[in-house]
């Protein structure tokens, strides 16, 4: 009997510890989760952002595909890290009111970020003349360095993007439904 009471006490302490740091199932919990999610993306951390997607979203979207779509892939390098450092400092997130119904939350956000498609296109043309197709790593590194330089020199347009997002409460936290 003494061993059983120790087991119950240990289980209660473990559960209390596990749940004490959980997200809150309210608007503040949603806002905190979304701030963390977008900060991870703005900083070029797709693996971290991917972990904040719902279980169902992770089943239908592979990490590699998600990372390529959202953050130029999973690979890292000093040049890429420098680019993300410059980029994240220029990004901003604004959130509207949060509506929670049962285990689903909805909100609208506006993200502002450096939008550089013309610059990237022109850099791509220059990179094509500088690097043979067999040297794609050197080309990528050069592109990241040049993009970081363009951010420092403010050679970009600011883009504002409006998104309507849905989140689901699972495993004691909010997770983004990625569609």
Protein backbone atom coordinates (compact mmCIF):
# COMPACT_ATOMS: atom_id res chain seq x y z
CA UNK A 1 0.00 0.00 0.00
CA UNK A 2 2.86 2.34 0.84
CA UNK A 3 4.35 1.86 -2.67
CA UNK A 4 1.00 2.62 -4.29
CA UNK A 5 0.57 5.91 -2.40
CA UNK A 6 4.09 6.96 -3.46
CA UNK A 7 3.20 6.14 -7.07
CA UNK A 8 0.00 8.21 -6.86
CA UNK A 9 1.86 11.12 -5.24
CA UNK A 10 4.58 10.96 -7.91
CA UNK A 11 1.98 10.85 -10.71
CA UNK A 12 0.11 13.84 -9.23
CA UNK A 13 3.33 15.85 -8.94
CA UNK A 14 4.35 14.95 -12.49
CA UNK A 15 0.95 15.96 -13.88
CA UNK A 16 0.96 19.20 -11.91
CA UNK A 17 4.42 20.05 -13.20
CA UNK A 18 3.54 19.11 -16.77
CA UNK A 19 0.40 21.23 -16.86
CA UNK A 20 1.68 24.25 -14.95
CA UNK A 21 3.44 25.65 -18.05
CA UNK A 22 0.60 24.94 -20.46
CA UNK A 23 -0.93 27.54 -22.70
CA UNK A 24 -4.15 29.15 -21.60
CA UNK A 25 -7.33 28.32 -23.48
CA UNK A 26 -8.23 31.96 -23.99
CA UNK A 27 -7.51 34.85 -26.34
CA UNK A 28 -4.16 35.59 -24.66
CA UNK A 29 -3.07 31.99 -25.23
CA UNK A 30 -3.97 32.30 -28.93
CA UNK A 31 -2.08 35.57 -29.27
CA UNK A 32 1.00 34.19 -27.54
CA UNK A 33 1.00 31.09 -29.74
CA UNK A 34 0.65 33.13 -32.95
CA UNK A 35 3.38 35.57 -31.90
CA UNK A 36 5.71 32.61 -31.27
CA UNK A 37 4.75 30.98 -34.58
CA UNK A 38 5.35 34.07 -36.71
CA UNK A 39 8.55 34.96 -34.86
CA UNK A 40 9.89 31.49 -35.66
CA UNK A 41 9.06 32.03 -39.35
CA UNK A 42 10.44 35.57 -39.41
CA UNK A 43 13.70 34.23 -37.95
CA UNK A 44 13.94 31.39 -40.49
CA UNK A 45 13.18 28.56 -38.06
CA UNK A 46 10.74 26.39 -40.03
CA UNK A 47 11.19 23.29 -37.85
CA UNK A 48 10.08 25.28 -34.78
CA UNK A 49 7.11 26.80 -36.63
CA UNK A 50 6.13 23.39 -38.04
CA UNK A 51 5.89 21.98 -34.51
CA UNK A 52 3.14 24.57 -33.84
CA UNK A 53 0.86 23.15 -36.54
CA UNK A 54 -2.05 20.85 -35.64
CA UNK A 55 -1.44 17.12 -35.73
CA UNK A 56 -3.70 16.88 -38.79
CA UNK A 57 -1.80 19.65 -40.59
CA UNK A 58 1.49 17.85 -39.95
CA UNK A 59 -0.01 14.64 -41.34
CA UNK A 60 -0.98 16.31 -44.62
CA UNK A 61 2.09 18.57 -45.03
CA UNK A 62 5.61 17.16 -44.87
CA UNK A 63 8.24 19.14 -42.96
CA UNK A 64 10.50 19.47 -46.01
CA UNK A 65 7.67 20.83 -48.17
CA UNK A 66 6.55 23.23 -45.43
CA UNK A 67 10.11 24.47 -44.83
CA UNK A 68 10.72 25.04 -48.54
CA UNK A 69 7.45 26.96 -48.92
CA UNK A 70 7.78 29.05 -45.77
CA UNK A 71 11.51 29.54 -45.12
CA UNK A 72 13.76 28.53 -48.05
CA UNK A 73 14.23 24.99 -46.69
CA UNK A 74 15.77 23.44 -43.60
CA UNK A 75 19.45 24.02 -44.34
CA UNK A 76 21.35 26.67 -42.42
CA UNK A 77 24.53 28.60 -43.09
CA UNK A 78 26.13 31.81 -41.81
CA UNK A 79 24.93 33.70 -44.91
CA UNK A 80 21.37 32.41 -44.51
CA UNK A 81 21.39 33.18 -40.78
CA UNK A 82 22.58 36.72 -41.56
CA UNK A 83 19.73 37.14 -44.05
CA UNK A 84 17.15 35.96 -41.49
CA UNK A 85 18.61 38.27 -38.84
CA UNK A 86 18.18 41.29 -41.11
CA UNK A 87 14.77 40.10 -42.33
CA UNK A 88 13.20 39.36 -38.92
CA UNK A 89 14.05 42.83 -37.63
CA UNK A 90 11.87 44.31 -40.39
CA UNK A 91 8.80 42.10 -39.89
CA UNK A 92 5.74 42.98 -37.84
CA UNK A 93 2.56 41.23 -36.74
CA UNK A 94 -0.77 42.87 -35.86
CA UNK A 95 -3.66 40.80 -34.55
CA UNK A 96 -7.38 41.43 -34.48
CA UNK A 97 -9.83 40.16 -31.87
CA UNK A 98 -9.88 36.44 -31.18
CA UNK A 99 -13.12 34.43 -31.35
CA UNK A 100 -13.09 31.12 -29.47
CA UNK A 101 -15.78 28.47 -29.94
CA UNK A 102 -15.23 25.18 -28.11
CA UNK A 103 -11.77 23.97 -29.25
CA UNK A 104 -11.41 26.33 -32.23
CA UNK A 105 -10.10 29.88 -32.30
CA UNK A 106 -10.29 32.34 -35.19
CA UNK A 107 -8.52 35.63 -35.70
CA UNK A 108 -7.33 37.94 -38.45
CA UNK A 109 -3.74 39.09 -38.63
CA UNK A 110 -1.77 41.50 -40.73
CA UNK A 111 1.90 40.80 -41.25
CA UNK A 112 4.23 43.35 -42.75
CA UNK A 113 7.50 42.16 -44.20
CA UNK A 114 10.15 43.07 -46.78
CA UNK A 115 8.90 42.14 -50.24
CA UNK A 116 11.74 41.78 -52.71
CA UNK A 117 10.59 39.86 -55.82
CA UNK A 118 12.11 42.27 -58.36
CA UNK A 119 15.39 42.40 -56.43
CA UNK A 120 15.50 38.60 -56.13
CA UNK A 121 14.76 38.23 -59.85
CA UNK A 122 17.58 40.64 -60.76
CA UNK A 123 19.96 38.98 -58.30
CA UNK A 124 19.03 35.63 -59.80
CA UNK A 125 19.95 36.84 -63.29
CA UNK A 126 23.28 38.14 -62.02
CA UNK A 127 23.90 34.88 -60.11
CA UNK A 128 23.24 32.91 -63.30
CA UNK A 129 26.08 34.79 -64.98
CA UNK A 130 28.43 34.36 -62.00
CA UNK A 131 27.89 30.71 -61.04
CA UNK A 132 27.70 27.54 -63.11
CA UNK A 133 24.58 25.46 -62.48
CA UNK A 134 26.74 22.79 -60.87
CA UNK A 135 27.72 25.22 -58.07
CA UNK A 136 24.27 25.73 -56.55
CA UNK A 137 25.56 26.01 -52.97
CA UNK A 138 27.85 28.95 -53.79
CA UNK A 139 24.99 30.55 -55.73
CA UNK A 140 22.60 30.20 -52.77
CA UNK A 141 25.14 31.62 -50.34
CA UNK A 142 25.81 34.59 -52.65
CA UNK A 143 22.05 35.20 -52.99
CA UNK A 144 21.58 35.20 -49.18
CA UNK A 145 24.49 37.64 -48.71
CA UNK A 146 23.18 39.99 -51.41
CA UNK A 147 19.63 39.87 -50.03
CA UNK A 148 20.87 40.64 -46.50
CA UNK A 149 22.84 43.56 -47.94
CA UNK A 150 19.73 44.83 -49.75
CA UNK A 151 17.77 44.68 -46.48
CA UNK A 152 20.47 46.69 -44.67
CA UNK A 153 20.38 49.25 -47.50
CA UNK A 154 16.56 49.40 -47.49
CA UNK A 155 16.28 48.27 -51.12
CA UNK A 156 12.88 46.59 -50.80
CA UNK A 157 9.18 47.34 -50.70
CA UNK A 158 7.16 46.70 -47.57
CA UNK A 159 4.30 44.28 -48.10
CA UNK A 160 1.26 44.00 -45.85
CA UNK A 161 -0.55 40.69 -45.94
CA UNK A 162 -3.93 39.94 -44.35
CA UNK A 163 -4.66 36.39 -43.19
CA UNK A 164 -7.66 34.81 -41.50
CA UNK A 165 -6.35 32.03 -39.27
CA UNK A 166 -7.91 29.13 -37.42
CA UNK A 167 -6.36 27.30 -34.50
CA UNK A 168 -7.33 24.13 -32.69
CA UNK A 169 -6.88 23.28 -29.00
CA UNK A 170 -5.14 19.92 -28.65
CA UNK A 171 -2.76 18.44 -26.12
CA UNK A 172 -3.18 21.38 -23.76
CA UNK A 173 -2.20 24.05 -26.24
CA UNK A 174 -3.23 26.00 -29.33
CA UNK A 175 -1.99 24.74 -32.70
CA UNK A 176 -2.34 26.41 -36.10
CA UNK A 177 -4.48 24.79 -38.78
CA UNK A 178 -2.27 25.00 -41.87
CA UNK A 179 -4.35 24.87 -45.04
